[in-house]
C-alpha cells in the first residue's frame, strides 16, 4: 500500500462524516450501546451477552437515529422550498 492509497482511504473516511446526520447518529449509537451494554453486564454478569447486546443496540440506535434525522431534514428542506415559492423566490438546490 503506497501513500496515494493511504490518502484516498483517509479522505473517504473524512468524507463519510460530512454526510448530514452521520456524526450525530454515531454518537447516539455509541452512547446507547455503551449504556445498554454496561446495564446488561451489571444485570446478568455475562460478558459475551453484554457485548452482543451492546453491539446490537449500537446498530439499531445508529440506524434509527440516522433515518429519523434525515427524514426531519428532508421535511425542513421541503418546507423551506415551499416558503421560498410562496414568496416568489426561486429555490437553489
PDB file of N, CA and C in Angstrom:
ATOM      1  N   UNK A   1       0.841  -1.175   0.000  1.00  0.00           N
ATOM      2  CA  UNK A   1       0.000   0.000   0.000  1.00  0.00           C
ATOM      3  C   UNK A   1       0.892   1.246   0.000  1.00  0.00           C
ATOM      4  N   UNK A   2       0.706   2.116  -0.945  1.00  0.00           N
ATOM      5  CA  UNK A   2       1.553   3.292  -1.020  1.00  0.00           C
ATOM      6  C   UNK A   2       0.826   4.520  -0.457  1.00  0.00           C
ATOM      7  N   UNK A   3       1.462   5.641  -0.561  1.00  0.00           N
ATOM      8  CA  UNK A   3       0.940   6.882   0.012  1.00  0.00           C
ATOM      9  C   UNK A   3      -0.405   7.291  -0.587  1.00  0.00           C
ATOM     10  N   UNK A   4      -0.587   7.104  -1.887  1.00  0.00           N
ATOM     11  CA  UNK A   4      -1.825   7.534  -2.532  1.00  0.00           C
ATOM     12  C   UNK A   4      -3.016   6.723  -2.020  1.00  0.00           C
ATOM     13  N   UNK A   5      -2.815   5.436  -1.746  1.00  0.00           N
ATOM     14  CA  UNK A   5      -3.891   4.616  -1.201  1.00  0.00           C
ATOM     15  C   UNK A   5      -4.247   5.060   0.208  1.00  0.00           C
ATOM     16  N   UNK A   6      -3.242   5.409   1.006  1.00  0.00           N
ATOM     17  CA  UNK A   6      -3.488   5.888   2.366  1.00  0.00           C
ATOM     18  C   UNK A   6      -4.275   7.185   2.350  1.00  0.00           C
ATOM     19  N   UNK A   7      -3.883   8.120   1.510  1.00  0.00           N
ATOM     20  CA  UNK A   7      -4.563   9.410   1.472  1.00  0.00           C
ATOM     21  C   UNK A   7      -5.978   9.265   0.922  1.00  0.00           C
ATOM     22  N   UNK A   8      -6.164   8.350  -0.033  1.00  0.00           N
ATOM     23  CA  UNK A   8      -7.502   8.129  -0.575  1.00  0.00           C
ATOM     24  C   UNK A   8      -8.415   7.511   0.488  1.00  0.00           C
ATOM     25  N   UNK A   9      -7.913   6.565   1.251  1.00  0.00           N
ATOM     26  CA  UNK A   9      -8.709   5.944   2.304  1.00  0.00           C
ATOM     27  C   UNK A   9      -9.034   6.964   3.386  1.00  0.00           C
ATOM     28  N   UNK A  10      -8.082   7.819   3.714  1.00  0.00           N
ATOM     29  CA  UNK A  10      -8.308   8.829   4.737  1.00  0.00           C
ATOM     30  C   UNK A  10      -9.343   9.850   4.277  1.00  0.00           C
ATOM     31  N   UNK A  11      -9.278  10.274   3.019  1.00  0.00           N
ATOM     32  CA  UNK A  11     -10.246  11.246   2.529  1.00  0.00           C
ATOM     33  C   UNK A  11     -11.638  10.628   2.434  1.00  0.00           C
ATOM     34  N   UNK A  12     -11.723   9.337   2.134  1.00  0.00           N
ATOM     35  CA  UNK A  12     -13.018   8.662   2.107  1.00  0.00           C
ATOM     36  C   UNK A  12     -13.608   8.609   3.502  1.00  0.00           C
ATOM     37  N   UNK A  13     -12.788   8.303   4.492  1.00  0.00           N
ATOM     38  CA  UNK A  13     -13.258   8.240   5.873  1.00  0.00           C
ATOM     39  C   UNK A  13     -13.717   9.606   6.368  1.00  0.00           C
ATOM     40  N   UNK A  14     -12.954  10.656   6.059  1.00  0.00           N
ATOM     41  CA  UNK A  14     -13.335  12.009   6.468  1.00  0.00           C
ATOM     42  C   UNK A  14     -14.589  12.455   5.732  1.00  0.00           C
ATOM     43  N   UNK A  15     -14.718  12.084   4.476  1.00  0.00           N
ATOM     44  CA  UNK A  15     -15.897  12.447   3.703  1.00  0.00           C
ATOM     45  C   UNK A  15     -17.153  11.764   4.194  1.00  0.00           C
ATOM     46  N   UNK A  16     -16.993  10.598   4.807  1.00  0.00           N
ATOM     47  CA  UNK A  16     -18.143   9.858   5.324  1.00  0.00           C
ATOM     48  C   UNK A  16     -18.876  10.659   6.392  1.00  0.00           C
ATOM     49  N   UNK A  17     -18.130  11.347   7.246  1.00  0.00           N
ATOM     50  CA  UNK A  17     -18.753  12.107   8.323  1.00  0.00           C
ATOM     51  C   UNK A  17     -19.262  13.465   7.865  1.00  0.00           C
ATOM     52  N   UNK A  18     -19.034  13.818   6.607  1.00  0.00           N
ATOM     53  CA  UNK A  18     -19.597  15.056   6.078  1.00  0.00           C
ATOM     54  C   UNK A  18     -21.049  14.862   5.640  1.00  0.00           C
ATOM     55  N   UNK A  19     -21.501  13.638   5.566  1.00  0.00           N
ATOM     56  CA  UNK A  19     -22.898  13.362   5.240  1.00  0.00           C
ATOM     57  C   UNK A  19     -23.757  13.855   6.401  1.00  0.00           C
ATOM     58  N   UNK A  20     -24.773  14.654   6.122  1.00  0.00           N
ATOM     59  CA  UNK A  20     -25.588  15.181   7.207  1.00  0.00           C
ATOM     60  C   UNK A  20     -26.167  14.061   8.082  1.00  0.00           C
ATOM     61  N   UNK A  21     -26.155  14.273   9.382  1.00  0.00           N
ATOM     62  CA  UNK A  21     -26.722  13.386  10.401  1.00  0.00           C
ATOM     63  C   UNK A  21     -25.832  12.195  10.754  1.00  0.00           C
ATOM     64  N   UNK A  22     -24.737  11.958  10.057  1.00  0.00           N
ATOM     65  CA  UNK A  22     -23.917  10.781  10.326  1.00  0.00           C
ATOM     66  C   UNK A  22     -23.233  10.874  11.677  1.00  0.00           C
ATOM     67  N   UNK A  23     -22.618  11.989  11.948  1.00  0.00           N
ATOM     68  CA  UNK A  23     -21.880  12.141  13.202  1.00  0.00           C
ATOM     69  C   UNK A  23     -22.823  12.022  14.397  1.00  0.00           C
ATOM     70  N   UNK A  24     -23.951  12.694  14.343  1.00  0.00           N
ATOM     71  CA  UNK A  24     -24.913  12.645  15.435  1.00  0.00           C
ATOM     72  C   UNK A  24     -25.432  11.229  15.641  1.00  0.00           C
ATOM     73  N   UNK A  25     -25.738  10.545  14.555  1.00  0.00           N
ATOM     74  CA  UNK A  25     -26.250   9.180  14.667  1.00  0.00           C
ATOM     75  C   UNK A  25     -25.214   8.256  15.312  1.00  0.00           C
ATOM     76  N   UNK A  26     -23.940   8.401  14.926  1.00  0.00           N
ATOM     77  CA  UNK A  26     -22.902   7.570  15.521  1.00  0.00           C
ATOM     78  C   UNK A  26     -22.721   7.875  17.009  1.00  0.00           C
ATOM     79  N   UNK A  27     -22.793   9.131  17.379  1.00  0.00           N
ATOM     80  CA  UNK A  27     -22.656   9.481  18.792  1.00  0.00           C
ATOM     81  C   UNK A  27     -23.802   8.903  19.619  1.00  0.00           C
ATOM     82  N   UNK A  28     -25.028   9.003  19.108  1.00  0.00           N
ATOM     83  CA  UNK A  28     -26.164   8.398  19.806  1.00  0.00           C
ATOM     84  C   UNK A  28     -26.002   6.887  19.898  1.00  0.00           C
ATOM     85  N   UNK A  29     -25.551   6.262  18.823  1.00  0.00           N
ATOM     86  CA  UNK A  29     -25.372   4.817  18.804  1.00  0.00           C
ATOM     87  C   UNK A  29     -24.315   4.351  19.789  1.00  0.00           C
ATOM     88  N   UNK A  30     -23.191   5.044  19.832  1.00  0.00           N
ATOM     89  CA  UNK A  30     -22.120   4.672  20.760  1.00  0.00           C
ATOM     90  C   UNK A  30     -22.583   4.857  22.205  1.00  0.00           C
ATOM     91  N   UNK A  31     -23.211   5.975  22.480  1.00  0.00           N
ATOM     92  CA  UNK A  31     -23.702   6.225  23.840  1.00  0.00           C
ATOM     93  C   UNK A  31     -24.735   5.207  24.277  1.00  0.00           C
ATOM     94  N   UNK A  32     -25.679   4.917  23.397  1.00  0.00           N
ATOM     95  CA  UNK A  32     -26.699   3.924  23.720  1.00  0.00           C
ATOM     96  C   UNK A  32     -26.123   2.535  23.882  1.00  0.00           C
ATOM     97  N   UNK A  33     -25.204   2.156  23.008  1.00  0.00           N
ATOM     98  CA  UNK A  33     -24.582   0.841  23.090  1.00  0.00           C
ATOM     99  C   UNK A  33     -23.794   0.654  24.371  1.00  0.00           C
ATOM    100  N   UNK A  34     -23.028   1.669  24.749  1.00  0.00           N
ATOM    101  CA  UNK A  34     -22.240   1.584  25.983  1.00  0.00           C
ATOM    102  C   UNK A  34     -23.169   1.495  27.197  1.00  0.00           C
ATOM    103  N   UNK A  35     -24.178   2.340  27.245  1.00  0.00           N
ATOM    104  CA  UNK A  35     -25.089   2.349  28.396  1.00  0.00           C
ATOM    105  C   UNK A  35     -25.828   1.021  28.537  1.00  0.00           C
ATOM    106  N   UNK A  36     -26.372   0.526  27.433  1.00  0.00           N
ATOM    107  CA  UNK A  36     -27.120  -0.733  27.493  1.00  0.00           C
ATOM    108  C   UNK A  36     -26.180  -1.907  27.751  1.00  0.00           C
ATOM    109  N   UNK A  37     -24.985  -1.885  27.187  1.00  0.00           N
ATOM    110  CA  UNK A  37     -24.012  -2.944  27.429  1.00  0.00           C
ATOM    111  C   UNK A  37     -23.599  -3.019  28.892  1.00  0.00           C
ATOM    112  N   UNK A  38     -23.318  -1.867  29.487  1.00  0.00           N
ATOM    113  CA  UNK A  38     -22.953  -1.850  30.909  1.00  0.00           C
ATOM    114  C   UNK A  38     -24.135  -2.283  31.770  1.00  0.00           C
ATOM    115  N   UNK A  39     -25.315  -1.796  31.424  1.00  0.00           N
ATOM    116  CA  UNK A  39     -26.508  -2.204  32.174  1.00  0.00           C
ATOM    117  C   UNK A  39     -26.755  -3.700  32.092  1.00  0.00           C
ATOM    118  N   UNK A  40     -26.574  -4.272  30.923  1.00  0.00           N
ATOM    119  CA  UNK A  40     -26.752  -5.715  30.752  1.00  0.00           C
ATOM    120  C   UNK A  40     -25.706  -6.489  31.544  1.00  0.00           C
ATOM    121  N   UNK A  41     -24.473  -5.997  31.539  1.00  0.00           N
ATOM    122  CA  UNK A  41     -23.428  -6.672  32.307  1.00  0.00           C
ATOM    123  C   UNK A  41     -23.727  -6.619  33.806  1.00  0.00           C
ATOM    124  N   UNK A  42     -24.169  -5.476  34.284  1.00  0.00           N
ATOM    125  CA  UNK A  42     -24.481  -5.365  35.709  1.00  0.00           C
ATOM    126  C   UNK A  42     -25.658  -6.260  36.095  1.00  0.00           C
ATOM    127  N   UNK A  43     -26.591  -6.456  35.179  1.00  0.00           N
ATOM    128  CA  UNK A  43     -27.773  -7.264  35.457  1.00  0.00           C
ATOM    129  C   UNK A  43     -27.492  -8.766  35.330  1.00  0.00           C
ATOM    130  N   UNK A  44     -26.707  -9.178  34.312  1.00  0.00           N
ATOM    131  CA  UNK A  44     -26.503 -10.604  34.047  1.00  0.00           C
ATOM    132  C   UNK A  44     -25.116 -11.122  34.416  1.00  0.00           C
ATOM    133  N   UNK A  45     -24.116 -10.276  34.483  1.00  0.00           N
ATOM    134  CA  UNK A  45     -22.709 -10.649  34.725  1.00  0.00           C
ATOM    135  C   UNK A  45     -22.151 -11.581  33.652  1.00  0.00           C
ATOM    136  N   UNK A  46     -22.661 -11.509  32.453  1.00  0.00           N
ATOM    137  CA  UNK A  46     -22.163 -12.293  31.319  1.00  0.00           C
ATOM    138  C   UNK A  46     -21.541 -11.336  30.311  1.00  0.00           C
ATOM    139  N   UNK A  47     -20.252 -11.496  30.096  1.00  0.00           N
ATOM    140  CA  UNK A  47     -19.521 -10.572  29.247  1.00  0.00           C
ATOM    141  C   UNK A  47     -19.938 -10.711  27.788  1.00  0.00           C
ATOM    142  N   UNK A  48     -19.998 -11.931  27.273  1.00  0.00           N
ATOM    143  CA  UNK A  48     -20.325 -12.135  25.860  1.00  0.00           C
ATOM    144  C   UNK A  48     -21.724 -11.620  25.535  1.00  0.00           C
ATOM    145  N   UNK A  49     -22.685 -11.946  26.369  1.00  0.00           N
ATOM    146  CA  UNK A  49     -24.051 -11.484  26.121  1.00  0.00           C
ATOM    147  C   UNK A  49     -24.115  -9.959  26.199  1.00  0.00           C
ATOM    148  N   UNK A  50     -23.407  -9.375  27.135  1.00  0.00           N
ATOM    149  CA  UNK A  50     -23.400  -7.913  27.271  1.00  0.00           C
ATOM    150  C   UNK A  50     -22.802  -7.255  26.036  1.00  0.00           C
ATOM    151  N   UNK A  51     -21.710  -7.830  25.524  1.00  0.00           N
ATOM    152  CA  UNK A  51     -21.091  -7.282  24.319  1.00  0.00           C
ATOM    153  C   UNK A  51     -22.020  -7.425  23.115  1.00  0.00           C
ATOM    154  N   UNK A  52     -22.685  -8.560  23.008  1.00  0.00           N
ATOM    155  CA  UNK A  52     -23.631  -8.770  21.904  1.00  0.00           C
ATOM    156  C   UNK A  52     -24.779  -7.762  21.973  1.00  0.00           C
ATOM    157  N   UNK A  53     -25.306  -7.557  23.154  1.00  0.00           N
ATOM    158  CA  UNK A  53     -26.401  -6.603  23.331  1.00  0.00           C
ATOM    159  C   UNK A  53     -25.925  -5.186  23.032  1.00  0.00           C
ATOM    160  N   UNK A  54     -24.700  -4.849  23.456  1.00  0.00           N
ATOM    161  CA  UNK A  54     -24.157  -3.514  23.205  1.00  0.00           C
ATOM    162  C   UNK A  54     -23.997  -3.256  21.704  1.00  0.00           C
ATOM    163  N   UNK A  55     -23.456  -4.236  20.976  1.00  0.00           N
ATOM    164  CA  UNK A  55     -23.273  -4.074  19.530  1.00  0.00           C
ATOM    165  C   UNK A  55     -24.624  -3.981  18.819  1.00  0.00           C
ATOM    166  N   UNK A  56     -25.557  -4.817  19.220  1.00  0.00           N
ATOM    167  CA  UNK A  56     -26.902  -4.762  18.627  1.00  0.00           C
ATOM    168  C   UNK A  56     -27.582  -3.435  18.887  1.00  0.00           C
ATOM    169  N   UNK A  57     -27.465  -2.945  20.121  1.00  0.00           N
ATOM    170  CA  UNK A  57     -28.050  -1.648  20.453  1.00  0.00           C
ATOM    171  C   UNK A  57     -27.395  -0.533  19.665  1.00  0.00           C
ATOM    172  N   UNK A  58     -26.069  -0.587  19.530  1.00  0.00           N
ATOM    173  CA  UNK A  58     -25.359   0.409  18.730  1.00  0.00           C
ATOM    174  C   UNK A  58     -25.905   0.451  17.306  1.00  0.00           C
ATOM    175  N   UNK A  59     -26.043  -0.731  16.699  1.00  0.00           N
ATOM    176  CA  UNK A  59     -26.506  -0.794  15.303  1.00  0.00           C
ATOM    177  C   UNK A  59     -27.928  -0.252  15.173  1.00  0.00           C
ATOM    178  N   UNK A  60     -28.812  -0.659  16.065  1.00  0.00           N
ATOM    179  CA  UNK A  60     -30.214  -0.243  15.970  1.00  0.00           C
ATOM    180  C   UNK A  60     -30.361   1.248  16.234  1.00  0.00           C
ATOM    181  N   UNK A  61     -29.718   1.740  17.287  1.00  0.00           N
ATOM    182  CA  UNK A  61     -29.835   3.161  17.628  1.00  0.00           C
ATOM    183  C   UNK A  61     -29.210   4.026  16.535  1.00  0.00           C
ATOM    184  N   UNK A  62     -28.073   3.623  16.000  1.00  0.00           N
ATOM    185  CA  UNK A  62     -27.424   4.397  14.946  1.00  0.00           C
ATOM    186  C   UNK A  62     -28.311   4.465  13.709  1.00  0.00           C
ATOM    187  N   UNK A  63     -28.824   3.335  13.295  1.00  0.00           N
ATOM    188  CA  UNK A  63     -29.666   3.302  12.099  1.00  0.00           C
ATOM    189  C   UNK A  63     -30.946   4.114  12.288  1.00  0.00           C
ATOM    190  N   UNK A  64     -31.613   3.910  13.412  1.00  0.00           N
ATOM    191  CA  UNK A  64     -32.876   4.616  13.648  1.00  0.00           C
ATOM    192  C   UNK A  64     -32.675   6.118  13.769  1.00  0.00           C
ATOM    193  N   UNK A  65     -31.648   6.547  14.499  1.00  0.00           N
ATOM    194  CA  UNK A  65     -31.427   7.983  14.650  1.00  0.00           C
ATOM    195  C   UNK A  65     -31.005   8.616  13.320  1.00  0.00           C
ATOM    196  N   UNK A  66     -30.265   7.883  12.485  1.00  0.00           N
ATOM    197  CA  UNK A  66     -29.888   8.405  11.172  1.00  0.00           C
ATOM    198  C   UNK A  66     -31.123   8.585  10.287  1.00  0.00           C
ATOM    199  N   UNK A  67     -31.991   7.589  10.280  1.00  0.00           N
ATOM    200  CA  UNK A  67     -33.198   7.668   9.444  1.00  0.00           C
ATOM    201  C   UNK A  67     -34.113   8.792   9.909  1.00  0.00           C
ATOM    202  N   UNK A  68     -34.313   8.915  11.206  1.00  0.00           N
ATOM    203  CA  UNK A  68     -35.183   9.970  11.740  1.00  0.00           C
ATOM    204  C   UNK A  68     -34.608  11.347  11.434  1.00  0.00           C
ATOM    205  N   UNK A  69     -33.309  11.509  11.618  1.00  0.00           N
ATOM    206  CA  UNK A  69     -32.662  12.793  11.347  1.00  0.00           C
ATOM    207  C   UNK A  69     -32.782  13.167   9.872  1.00  0.00           C
ATOM    208  N   UNK A  70     -32.535  12.222   8.988  1.00  0.00           N
ATOM    209  CA  UNK A  70     -32.646  12.512   7.553  1.00  0.00           C
ATOM    210  C   UNK A  70     -34.085  12.849   7.153  1.00  0.00           C
ATOM    211  N   UNK A  71     -35.054  12.167   7.756  1.00  0.00           N
ATOM    212  CA  UNK A  71     -36.463  12.447   7.473  1.00  0.00           C
ATOM    213  C   UNK A  71     -36.816  13.873   7.914  1.00  0.00           C
ATOM    214  N   UNK A  72     -36.417  14.233   9.129  1.00  0.00           N
ATOM    215  CA  UNK A  72     -36.704  15.580   9.625  1.00  0.00           C
ATOM    216  C   UNK A  72     -36.004  16.632   8.776  1.00  0.00           C
ATOM    217  N   UNK A  73     -34.805  16.343   8.354  1.00  0.00           N
ATOM    218  CA  UNK A  73     -34.058  17.269   7.498  1.00  0.00           C
ATOM    219  C   UNK A  73     -34.771  17.464   6.160  1.00  0.00           C
ATOM    220  N   UNK A  74     -35.273  16.380   5.589  1.00  0.00           N
ATOM    221  CA  UNK A  74     -35.991  16.471   4.310  1.00  0.00           C
ATOM    222  C   UNK A  74     -37.288  17.272   4.467  1.00  0.00           C
ATOM    223  N   UNK A  75     -37.975  17.070   5.581  1.00  0.00           N
ATOM    224  CA  UNK A  75     -39.202  17.833   5.830  1.00  0.00           C
ATOM    225  C   UNK A  75     -38.909  19.315   5.946  1.00  0.00           C
ATOM    226  N   UNK A  76     -37.848  19.667   6.642  1.00  0.00           N
ATOM    227  CA  UNK A  76     -37.488  21.077   6.808  1.00  0.00           C
ATOM    228  C   UNK A  76     -37.114  21.689   5.465  1.00  0.00           C
ATOM    229  N   UNK A  77     -36.334  20.968   4.652  1.00  0.00           N
ATOM    230  CA  UNK A  77     -35.960  21.489   3.330  1.00  0.00           C
ATOM    231  C   UNK A  77     -37.184  21.685   2.444  1.00  0.00           C
ATOM    232  N   UNK A  78     -38.145  20.756   2.533  1.00  0.00           N
ATOM    233  CA  UNK A  78     -39.361  20.875   1.744  1.00  0.00           C
ATOM    234  C   UNK A  78     -40.168  22.095   2.183  1.00  0.00           C
ATOM    235  N   UNK A  79     -40.264  22.315   3.473  1.00  0.00           N
ATOM    236  CA  UNK A  79     -40.977  23.481   3.996  1.00  0.00           C
ATOM    237  C   UNK A  79     -40.290  24.772   3.570  1.00  0.00           C
ATOM    238  N   UNK A  80     -38.971  24.800   3.616  1.00  0.00           N
ATOM    239  CA  UNK A  80     -38.234  25.985   3.192  1.00  0.00           C
ATOM    240  C   UNK A  80     -38.453  26.276   1.715  1.00  0.00           C
ATOM    241  N   UNK A  81     -38.466  25.234   0.888  1.00  0.00           N
ATOM    242  CA  UNK A  81     -38.728  25.429  -0.544  1.00  0.00           C
ATOM    243  C   UNK A  81     -40.129  25.979  -0.769  1.00  0.00           C
ATOM    244  N   UNK A  82     -41.102  25.486   0.007  1.00  0.00           N
ATOM    245  CA  UNK A  82     -42.475  25.962  -0.123  1.00  0.00           C
ATOM    246  C   UNK A  82     -42.558  27.443   0.236  1.00  0.00           C
ATOM    247  N   UNK A  83     -41.888  27.857   1.319  1.00  0.00           N
ATOM    248  CA  UNK A  83     -41.887  29.265   1.707  1.00  0.00           C
ATOM    249  C   UNK A  83     -41.244  30.138   0.640  1.00  0.00           C
ATOM    250  N   UNK A  84     -40.143  29.671   0.085  1.00  0.00           N
ATOM    251  CA  UNK A  84     -39.485  30.433  -0.977  1.00  0.00           C
ATOM    252  C   UNK A  84     -40.387  30.553  -2.200  1.00  0.00           C
ATOM    253  N   UNK A  85     -41.095  29.489  -2.533  1.00  0.00           N
ATOM    254  CA  UNK A  85     -42.006  29.519  -3.679  1.00  0.00           C
ATOM    255  C   UNK A  85     -43.150  30.504  -3.430  1.00  0.00           C
ATOM    256  N   UNK A  86     -43.673  30.527  -2.207  1.00  0.00           N
ATOM    257  CA  UNK A  86     -44.764  31.445  -1.886  1.00  0.00           C
ATOM    258  C   UNK A  86     -44.303  32.896  -1.920  1.00  0.00           C
ATOM    259  N   UNK A  87     -43.047  33.136  -1.629  1.00  0.00           N
ATOM    260  CA  UNK A  87     -42.504  34.485  -1.671  1.00  0.00           C
ATOM    261  C   UNK A  87     -42.079  34.887  -3.077  1.00  0.00           C
ATOM    262  N   UNK A  88     -42.113  33.958  -4.015  1.00  0.00           N
ATOM    263  CA  UNK A  88     -41.757  34.258  -5.380  1.00  0.00           C
ATOM    264  C   UNK A  88     -40.265  34.185  -5.659  1.00  0.00           C
ATOM    265  N   UNK A  89     -39.533  33.529  -4.794  1.00  0.00           N
ATOM    266  CA  UNK A  89     -38.093  33.402  -4.951  1.00  0.00           C
ATOM    267  C   UNK A  89     -37.818  31.988  -5.463  1.00  0.00           C
ATOM    268  N   UNK A  90     -36.948  31.885  -6.477  1.00  0.00           N
ATOM    269  CA  UNK A  90     -36.585  30.563  -6.987  1.00  0.00           C
ATOM    270  C   UNK A  90     -35.627  29.900  -6.007  1.00  0.00           C
ATOM    271  N   UNK A  91     -35.964  28.698  -5.534  1.00  0.00           N
ATOM    272  CA  UNK A  91     -35.057  27.997  -4.595  1.00  0.00           C
ATOM    273  C   UNK A  91     -33.823  27.473  -5.300  1.00  0.00           C
ATOM    274  N   UNK A  92     -32.690  27.524  -4.592  1.00  0.00           N
ATOM    275  CA  UNK A  92     -31.451  26.953  -5.094  1.00  0.00           C
ATOM    276  C   UNK A  92     -31.355  25.536  -4.585  1.00  0.00           C
ATOM    277  N   UNK A  93     -30.941  24.610  -5.441  1.00  0.00           N
ATOM    278  CA  UNK A  93     -30.797  23.206  -4.994  1.00  0.00           C
ATOM    279  C   UNK A  93     -29.419  22.880  -4.671  1.00  0.00           C
TER     280      UNK A  93
END
